[in-house]
Structure formats: C-alpha cells, structure tokens
Amino acid sequence: MPKEAAASYESQLVIEGRILSGDESIIYLSNSVPFGQVERPEAVLNADITIIGQNGYESSKAEFDIENDRYVIPTHDLPLNTLYALKVEVDGEIYQSEFEPIQKAKEIDEVYYKENETDITIHVSSHGHEEDSPYYIWTYEEDWEIHPEYDVSKALDSGYWSYSKSFYPDLKMGENNPYLNCWGHNDSGLIHIYSTAILDQNTIKSHQLLSIPLDDVKLSYLYSISVKQMGLSKQAYEYFELQKLYSEQSGGLFMPMPAEVKGNVQCLSNKEKKAAGYVIFSQVAQQRIFIDS
C-alpha cells in the first residue's frame, strides 16, 4: 500500500464469533489493518462481551483466554426458543450483530482417516433432513504426543540446568522421566465449508478436512483430532465463501477483508464507525478420533 493511502487508512473493529448451543462460544476481536500487511492483527483486550436474546436473555460476560487470544462464554445450555445477537462494548462504543436464530446441528455420521502412500487424510461424513440448512462449516482441534530427543533431567545436577520443584516435585535422577511425554496442540486456521444446496439429498460423504504427511511429527506416537460441525444460514455461507477465497489468496484467515464483503455486525452508538466480521449462531455436533502410530 502506498504511504499516502496507509496514512489515511481508518481502522475498524473486526468481530468474528461462533455462538454455540451445546458448547462454549468463541469470539475473536481485533482491529483491521491496511491491505498488504501480512502480520495477524493483535487481539483487542478491553471489551465487555455478552450474548443477548430477544426474549430478554443475557449471558454472563465473556472471559478473555490469554493463551489463545480469544473471548469465551459458556453456552452449553443456551435455549433455542429465541433469536440472539452478540453485544460488544469497547472504547466507549457499542457494537452488535444482527439477531438470528440458532441453526440446527446435523449429526456427524463419521470422522475417519485414510492412509495413503505419502500422507494421512481426515474425512467427515454427515447428513441432515430436507428441511435442515444445506450449509455446513467445520472447525477442528488437533493434539499429538511428543517425546523430546534428549532427557534434560539427566543434566539437572550439573549446575547448568534448573527446574521448578513446584512443577516437578518427584523428578529424580536415574528413573524413567514421565515429563518426557509432552503434547502439541493446534486449532484449525482455514475455513472449511460445504453446501448441499444443489444436491438431491442433504448428505455429505467423505469430505476431506485436511491431510498430514506420514513423516510429520504429529504422527510419531499418538494423534487425536476433535471435529466440530455447525450449521450456517445462506448469508453466513456466502460470507465465508468469499472469506475463504480471499484468505487463500492473501495467506491467512485473520487478514483484513475487502470493504465490499459485508458482515452482520455494526456500531450502534456511532453510525459513522464501521465494523467488520461475522457472528454465527448454531448448535454443534462433535466427534473425536485417535490415530496410533
């Protein structure tokens, strides 16, 4: 971006949220950045965030998860009998998403893997009724076991290493060290959507979510993936379809979106302020599998 354009660029609040009945709700807040800036925007930390319902419902305030740079609201028992919106208060302004119903979740039939010559691919199959939304979105969380190449505990008495006894009170020399078993974790960073709108049946068979090379450290010992499936409205699907296209071209899910891509959030307290992003409302279906080396 030319220096003149960057200097005149006006940042706007970006609100991305998944309000989930049957699970915790996740909200990401950041400020948009000029086109061409490749760094992920920093999270906004000083916001008060609640879920409100047209029937007078109001959730507890969201807690900030500092480890994952996101806000969390427990909504496992969120009722389905009203329309909901996300309300955000930050820097003296009030932002709110449109009121929307909770999309019905379609059950996951199966999450499974295929072992190929060079990789393992993870697939999901699902089905819904004819009256259900034909628009799907998935997120997933990966966990895998890691064994460090060297046992650092053997050098603890050398004077060059130290460790916290509050974390490792029973660590002794010459014994099997249980702290060599560590875990890696990753959240899905890409957009995984699918539509059955043009199909005869609201059915998904063997949709591939990701692939993992066979020599990836994730598959060295024990690997696990938990897949969450949610429903989308047609408007939400079209938004994420454009976001998917743009993020693949620009290199990241959290990069700024073009101005013409309209989300479902706005600033209520100041009509001159613009807001970006999308908040979805859905039940959630979930399934986890394990892969042993």
Protein backbone atom coordinates (compact mmCIF):
# COMPACT_ATOMS: atom_id res chain seq x y z
CA MET A 1 0.00 0.00 0.00
CA PRO A 2 1.40 3.49 -0.86
CA LYS A 3 2.44 5.61 2.13
CA GLU A 4 -0.25 8.19 1.38
CA ALA A 5 -3.00 5.56 1.42
CA ALA A 6 -1.64 3.90 4.57
CA ALA A 7 -1.58 7.24 6.37
CA SER A 8 -5.25 7.86 5.57
CA TYR A 9 -6.35 4.31 6.41
CA GLU A 10 -9.03 4.18 9.12
CA SER A 11 -9.02 1.03 11.20
CA GLN A 12 -12.29 -0.67 12.17
CA LEU A 13 -13.24 -3.26 14.76
CA VAL A 14 -13.37 -6.83 13.45
CA ILE A 15 -15.70 -9.22 15.30
CA GLU A 16 -15.63 -12.93 14.45
CA GLY A 17 -17.72 -15.20 16.64
CA ARG A 18 -19.21 -18.68 16.96
CA ILE A 19 -22.19 -18.68 19.35
CA LEU A 20 -22.77 -22.37 20.00
CA SER A 21 -25.59 -24.09 21.84
CA GLY A 22 -24.13 -27.24 23.37
CA ASP A 23 -20.57 -25.93 23.67
CA GLU A 24 -18.63 -22.82 24.70
CA SER A 25 -18.91 -19.79 22.43
CA ILE A 26 -15.74 -18.30 20.94
CA ILE A 27 -15.27 -14.64 19.95
CA TYR A 28 -12.24 -13.02 18.31
CA LEU A 29 -11.79 -9.24 18.45
CA SER A 30 -9.16 -7.29 16.55
CA ASN A 31 -8.69 -4.06 14.62
CA SER A 32 -8.43 -4.22 10.84
CA VAL A 33 -5.10 -3.45 9.19
CA PRO A 34 -4.27 -1.96 5.77
CA PHE A 35 -4.32 -4.25 2.77
CA GLY A 36 -0.88 -5.76 2.21
CA GLN A 37 0.06 -6.02 5.89
CA VAL A 38 0.74 -9.71 6.43
CA GLU A 39 1.00 -9.78 10.23
CA ARG A 40 -2.00 -11.11 12.12
CA PRO A 41 -3.76 -8.22 13.90
CA GLU A 42 -3.40 -8.11 17.68
CA ALA A 43 -6.39 -9.05 19.81
CA VAL A 44 -8.48 -6.32 21.46
CA LEU A 45 -8.29 -6.98 25.21
CA ASN A 46 -10.54 -4.43 26.95
CA ALA A 47 -14.01 -5.40 25.70
CA ASP A 48 -17.19 -6.34 27.58
CA ILE A 49 -18.95 -9.02 25.54
CA THR A 50 -22.34 -10.66 26.16
CA ILE A 51 -24.94 -12.64 24.23
CA ILE A 52 -28.44 -11.13 24.30
CA GLY A 53 -31.78 -12.65 23.29
CA GLN A 54 -34.98 -11.05 22.02
CA ASN A 55 -36.76 -12.69 24.98
CA GLY A 56 -34.63 -10.74 27.47
CA TYR A 57 -31.88 -13.35 27.86
CA GLU A 58 -28.40 -12.08 28.68
CA SER A 59 -25.36 -14.28 29.17
CA SER A 60 -22.51 -13.82 31.60
CA LYS A 61 -19.66 -11.60 30.39
CA ALA A 62 -17.06 -13.26 28.23
CA GLU A 63 -13.71 -14.18 29.79
CA PHE A 64 -10.54 -13.50 27.82
CA ASP A 65 -8.48 -16.61 27.07
CA ILE A 66 -4.98 -15.14 27.02
CA GLU A 67 -3.37 -18.36 25.76
CA ASN A 68 -5.49 -18.38 22.58
CA ASP A 69 -6.17 -14.63 22.16
CA ARG A 70 -9.95 -15.01 22.24
CA TYR A 71 -13.03 -14.46 24.41
CA VAL A 72 -15.05 -17.39 25.76
CA ILE A 73 -18.64 -17.63 27.05
CA PRO A 74 -20.04 -20.94 28.39
CA THR A 75 -23.23 -21.62 26.40
CA HIS A 76 -23.68 -25.38 26.77
CA ASP A 77 -27.33 -24.88 27.83
CA LEU A 78 -28.22 -21.98 25.53
CA PRO A 79 -32.01 -22.30 24.78
CA LEU A 80 -33.18 -22.47 21.17
CA ASN A 81 -36.51 -20.66 21.52
CA THR A 82 -35.46 -17.11 20.63
CA LEU A 83 -33.23 -15.01 18.37
CA TYR A 84 -29.78 -14.00 19.61
CA ALA A 85 -27.22 -11.27 18.99
CA LEU A 86 -23.67 -10.64 20.20
CA LYS A 87 -23.15 -7.33 22.03
CA VAL A 88 -19.67 -5.81 22.33
CA GLU A 89 -18.79 -2.72 24.35
CA VAL A 90 -15.28 -1.36 23.80
CA ASP A 91 -13.64 2.08 23.95
CA GLY A 92 -16.95 3.77 24.73
CA GLU A 93 -18.75 2.33 21.69
CA ILE A 94 -21.41 -0.39 21.41
CA TYR A 95 -21.30 -2.93 18.60
CA GLN A 96 -23.89 -5.60 17.93
CA SER A 97 -24.56 -8.38 15.44
CA GLU A 98 -27.93 -8.95 13.82
CA PHE A 99 -30.49 -11.03 15.73
CA GLU A 100 -30.51 -14.55 14.31
CA PRO A 101 -31.90 -17.99 15.20
CA ILE A 102 -29.74 -20.89 16.34
CA GLN A 103 -29.10 -23.11 13.32
CA LYS A 104 -29.92 -26.77 13.89
CA ALA A 105 -26.90 -29.06 14.01
CA LYS A 106 -26.77 -32.11 11.77
CA GLU A 107 -25.26 -35.17 13.43
CA ILE A 108 -21.84 -36.31 12.28
CA ASP A 109 -22.08 -39.82 10.86
CA GLU A 110 -18.35 -40.48 10.94
CA VAL A 111 -14.92 -38.90 11.24
CA TYR A 112 -12.25 -41.24 9.91
CA TYR A 113 -8.81 -41.30 8.27
CA LYS A 114 -7.31 -42.84 5.15
CA GLU A 115 -3.67 -43.86 5.00
CA ASN A 116 -2.14 -43.11 1.61
CA GLU A 117 1.37 -43.52 0.19
CA THR A 118 2.61 -40.13 1.39
CA ASP A 119 0.03 -38.86 3.86
CA ILE A 120 -2.99 -39.46 6.06
CA THR A 121 -6.22 -37.66 5.16
CA ILE A 122 -9.01 -36.86 7.63
CA HIS A 123 -12.60 -37.09 6.35
CA VAL A 124 -16.08 -36.35 7.66
CA SER A 125 -19.48 -37.73 6.62
CA SER A 126 -22.82 -36.30 7.70
CA HIS A 127 -26.47 -35.99 6.75
CA GLY A 128 -29.44 -33.76 7.50
CA HIS A 129 -33.15 -33.71 6.79
CA GLU A 130 -34.63 -31.98 3.76
CA GLU A 131 -35.85 -29.05 5.87
CA ASP A 132 -32.44 -28.53 7.52
CA SER A 133 -29.96 -25.91 6.35
CA PRO A 134 -27.79 -27.25 3.48
CA TYR A 135 -24.82 -25.12 4.59
CA TYR A 136 -22.09 -26.58 6.80
CA ILE A 137 -18.95 -25.30 8.49
CA TRP A 138 -16.32 -27.26 10.45
CA THR A 139 -13.57 -26.42 12.89
CA TYR A 140 -11.18 -28.89 14.49
CA GLU A 141 -8.59 -29.19 17.24
CA GLU A 142 -5.52 -31.41 16.94
CA ASP A 143 -3.49 -32.90 19.81
CA TRP A 144 -0.45 -35.13 19.47
CA GLU A 145 2.11 -36.77 21.74
CA ILE A 146 5.72 -35.59 21.62
CA HIS A 147 8.85 -37.26 23.05
CA PRO A 148 11.91 -34.94 23.20
CA GLU A 149 15.07 -36.42 21.73
CA TYR A 150 17.11 -35.79 24.89
CA ASP A 151 16.30 -36.36 28.56
CA VAL A 152 17.14 -32.98 30.07
CA SER A 153 16.58 -34.31 33.60
CA LYS A 154 19.90 -36.18 33.42
CA ALA A 155 21.71 -32.84 33.44
CA LEU A 156 19.79 -31.23 36.28
CA ASP A 157 22.58 -31.76 38.84
CA SER A 158 25.31 -30.43 36.55
CA GLY A 159 24.86 -26.83 37.66
CA TYR A 160 23.92 -25.70 34.17
CA TRP A 161 20.25 -26.62 34.37
CA SER A 162 17.46 -25.77 36.76
CA TYR A 163 13.82 -26.73 37.08
CA SER A 164 10.83 -25.75 39.17
CA LYS A 165 10.17 -28.19 42.03
CA SER A 166 6.60 -26.90 42.17
CA PHE A 167 6.06 -28.34 38.69
CA TYR A 168 8.30 -31.41 39.03
CA PRO A 169 8.34 -32.33 42.74
CA ASP A 170 9.14 -36.03 42.23
CA LEU A 171 11.73 -35.80 39.47
CA LYS A 172 14.78 -37.91 40.38
CA MET A 173 17.91 -38.95 38.58
CA GLY A 174 18.14 -42.46 37.18
CA GLU A 175 14.39 -43.07 36.92
CA ASN A 176 12.03 -43.07 33.98
CA ASN A 177 11.10 -39.47 33.44
CA PRO A 178 7.32 -39.05 32.94
CA TYR A 179 7.84 -35.43 31.87
CA LEU A 180 9.33 -36.57 28.58
CA ASN A 181 5.77 -37.17 27.38
CA CYS A 182 4.55 -33.81 26.07
CA TRP A 183 1.62 -32.74 23.92
CA GLY A 184 1.31 -30.42 20.94
CA HIS A 185 -1.91 -28.61 20.06
CA ASN A 186 -3.30 -26.83 17.02
CA ASP A 187 -6.61 -25.17 16.11
CA SER A 188 -7.84 -25.18 12.53
CA GLY A 189 -6.76 -21.98 10.81
CA LEU A 190 -8.51 -22.47 7.47
CA ILE A 191 -12.16 -22.17 6.51
CA HIS A 192 -13.91 -25.50 5.98
CA ILE A 193 -17.39 -25.05 4.47
CA TYR A 194 -19.65 -27.14 2.27
CA SER A 195 -23.06 -26.78 0.63
CA THR A 196 -25.52 -29.50 -0.39
CA ALA A 197 -27.96 -26.93 -1.84
CA ILE A 198 -27.60 -28.21 -5.41
CA LEU A 199 -27.67 -31.90 -4.42
CA ASP A 200 -30.70 -34.19 -4.36
CA GLN A 201 -30.09 -35.04 -0.68
CA ASN A 202 -28.72 -33.12 2.29
CA THR A 203 -25.88 -35.62 2.65
CA ILE A 204 -22.10 -35.31 2.83
CA LYS A 205 -19.90 -38.33 2.13
CA SER A 206 -16.14 -38.45 2.71
CA HIS A 207 -15.50 -34.70 2.72
CA GLN A 208 -11.75 -34.17 3.26
CA LEU A 209 -10.83 -31.72 6.01
CA LEU A 210 -7.03 -31.96 5.99
CA SER A 211 -4.02 -34.08 5.13
CA ILE A 212 -0.96 -34.87 7.27
CA PRO A 213 2.35 -36.08 5.73
CA LEU A 214 3.37 -39.50 7.04
CA ASP A 215 6.70 -38.11 8.25
CA ASP A 216 5.02 -35.30 10.25
CA VAL A 217 5.93 -35.29 13.95
CA LYS A 218 2.20 -35.28 14.74
CA LEU A 219 2.02 -38.96 13.75
CA SER A 220 5.10 -40.11 15.71
CA TYR A 221 3.21 -41.55 18.69
CA LEU A 222 -0.47 -40.78 19.33
CA TYR A 223 -2.54 -38.27 17.37
CA SER A 224 -6.09 -37.06 18.08
CA ILE A 225 -8.46 -34.75 16.24
CA SER A 226 -11.77 -33.38 17.51
CA VAL A 227 -14.08 -32.16 14.73
CA LYS A 228 -16.95 -29.73 15.37
CA GLN A 229 -19.74 -29.36 12.82
CA MET A 230 -22.11 -26.37 12.72
CA GLY A 231 -24.92 -25.15 10.51
CA LEU A 232 -24.92 -21.87 8.59
CA SER A 233 -27.53 -19.57 7.15
CA LYS A 234 -27.29 -18.82 3.42
CA GLN A 235 -26.00 -15.30 4.20
CA ALA A 236 -23.31 -16.69 6.51
CA TYR A 237 -22.25 -19.30 3.95
CA GLU A 238 -21.85 -16.66 1.23
CA TYR A 239 -19.76 -14.53 3.61
CA PHE A 240 -17.40 -17.40 4.49
CA GLU A 241 -17.21 -18.46 0.85
CA LEU A 242 -15.82 -15.02 -0.01
CA GLN A 243 -13.59 -15.01 3.06
CA LYS A 244 -12.20 -18.42 2.13
CA LEU A 245 -11.36 -17.20 -1.36
CA TYR A 246 -9.72 -14.04 -0.04
CA SER A 247 -7.77 -15.71 2.78
CA GLU A 248 -6.33 -18.31 0.40
CA GLN A 249 -5.14 -15.50 -1.87
CA SER A 250 -3.77 -13.29 0.92
CA GLY A 251 -2.33 -16.05 3.09
CA GLY A 252 -4.36 -16.03 6.30
CA LEU A 253 -7.78 -16.40 7.87
CA PHE A 254 -7.35 -13.29 10.04
CA MET A 255 -6.21 -10.95 7.30
CA PRO A 256 -8.37 -7.84 6.61
CA MET A 257 -11.35 -8.44 4.34
CA PRO A 258 -12.18 -6.24 1.33
CA ALA A 259 -14.63 -3.46 2.23
CA GLU A 260 -17.32 -4.77 -0.11
CA VAL A 261 -17.62 -8.06 1.83
CA LYS A 262 -20.46 -7.27 4.23
CA GLY A 263 -20.70 -9.00 7.60
CA ASN A 264 -23.52 -8.97 10.16
CA VAL A 265 -22.13 -6.57 12.79
CA GLN A 266 -22.44 -2.79 13.15
CA CYS A 267 -21.72 0.02 15.59
CA LEU A 268 -24.95 1.08 17.28
CA SER A 269 -23.56 4.02 19.22
CA ASN A 270 -21.91 5.76 16.25
CA LYS A 271 -23.24 5.22 12.75
CA GLU A 272 -20.08 6.81 11.33
CA LYS A 273 -17.95 3.95 12.69
CA LYS A 274 -17.68 0.85 10.57
CA ALA A 275 -17.38 -2.71 11.86
CA ALA A 276 -16.38 -5.90 10.06
CA GLY A 277 -16.70 -9.62 10.63
CA TYR A 278 -19.40 -12.22 11.10
CA VAL A 279 -21.04 -13.94 14.07
CA ILE A 280 -22.71 -17.33 13.50
CA PHE A 281 -25.29 -18.98 15.77
CA SER A 282 -25.59 -22.74 15.74
CA GLN A 283 -25.92 -25.97 17.61
CA VAL A 284 -22.78 -28.08 17.41
CA ALA A 285 -22.09 -31.74 16.73
CA GLN A 286 -18.69 -33.11 17.70
CA GLN A 287 -16.66 -36.27 17.19
CA ARG A 288 -13.08 -37.22 18.12
CA ILE A 289 -10.84 -39.95 16.73
CA PHE A 290 -7.38 -41.22 17.70
CA ILE A 291 -4.62 -42.45 15.41
CA ASP A 292 -1.88 -44.61 16.95
CA SER A 293 1.48 -44.81 15.22
